[in-house]
Amino acid sequence: MSQNLIISEETISDKIYFIRNQKVMLDRDLAMLYGIETKRLKEQVKRNISRFPEDLCLN
C-alpha cells in the first residue's frame, strides 16, 4: 500500500537549521518526513551509502 502525502515546503524548511554556516537537518526530522523510525533511516544509509551524498552524516 503506497501513500502519497504532500508535505509543504514550509514544513520542510522549518526542519532545516543553520549551524556554523551550513544547512543541517536532524536525522529524527528527516525520518519523520519519510514516515520511518530514525533507527531504520540510519540502517538504510549504512546499507546503501553510495546512494547518499558524501557530506551526509548521521550520528
Protein backbone atom coordinates (compact mmCIF):
# COMPACT_ATOMS: atom_id res chain seq x y z
CA MET A 1 0.00 0.00 0.00
CA SER A 2 1.54 3.27 -1.10
CA GLN A 3 0.66 6.59 0.44
CA ASN A 4 1.23 9.83 -1.42
CA LEU A 5 1.48 12.54 1.18
CA ILE A 6 2.14 16.13 0.29
CA ILE A 7 4.46 17.88 2.70
CA SER A 8 4.50 21.63 2.50
CA GLU A 9 7.69 23.48 1.67
CA GLU A 10 7.26 25.39 4.93
CA THR A 11 7.21 22.16 6.95
CA ILE A 12 10.47 21.08 5.36
CA SER A 13 12.15 24.47 5.65
CA ASP A 14 11.20 24.62 9.34
CA LYS A 15 13.30 21.47 9.83
CA ILE A 16 16.45 22.96 8.28
CA TYR A 17 18.81 24.73 10.67
CA PHE A 18 21.89 26.87 10.02
CA ILE A 19 24.78 25.72 12.15
CA ARG A 20 28.28 27.06 11.53
CA ASN A 21 27.17 28.45 8.17
CA GLN A 22 25.90 25.08 6.96
CA LYS A 23 22.38 23.87 6.36
CA VAL A 24 21.64 21.00 8.73
CA MET A 25 18.67 18.68 9.09
CA LEU A 26 18.40 16.40 12.10
CA ASP A 27 18.09 12.70 11.46
CA ARG A 28 14.91 12.49 13.53
CA ASP A 29 13.27 15.20 11.41
CA LEU A 30 14.31 13.54 8.16
CA ALA A 31 12.99 10.19 9.37
CA MET A 32 9.72 11.83 10.39
CA LEU A 33 9.32 13.36 6.92
CA TYR A 34 9.72 9.89 5.41
CA GLY A 35 7.44 8.33 8.00
CA ILE A 36 10.01 5.90 9.35
CA GLU A 37 11.91 5.40 12.58
CA THR A 38 15.28 7.15 12.94
CA LYS A 39 16.87 3.76 13.54
CA ARG A 40 15.60 2.50 10.16
CA LEU A 41 16.87 5.60 8.35
CA LYS A 42 20.36 5.06 9.76
CA GLU A 43 20.28 1.37 8.81
CA GLN A 44 19.37 2.17 5.22
CA VAL A 45 22.08 4.81 4.92
CA LYS A 46 24.69 2.35 6.18
CA ARG A 47 23.48 -0.35 3.75
CA ASN A 48 23.29 1.99 0.75
CA ILE A 49 25.93 4.62 1.48
CA SER A 50 26.77 5.06 -2.23
CA ARG A 51 23.23 6.36 -2.87
CA PHE A 52 23.61 9.26 -0.44
CA PRO A 53 25.59 12.50 -0.70
CA GLU A 54 29.19 12.38 0.55
CA ASP A 55 28.54 15.09 3.10
CA LEU A 56 25.64 13.21 4.71
CA CYS A 57 26.41 12.49 8.33
CA LEU A 58 24.11 10.52 10.63
CA ASN A 59 25.38 10.14 14.18
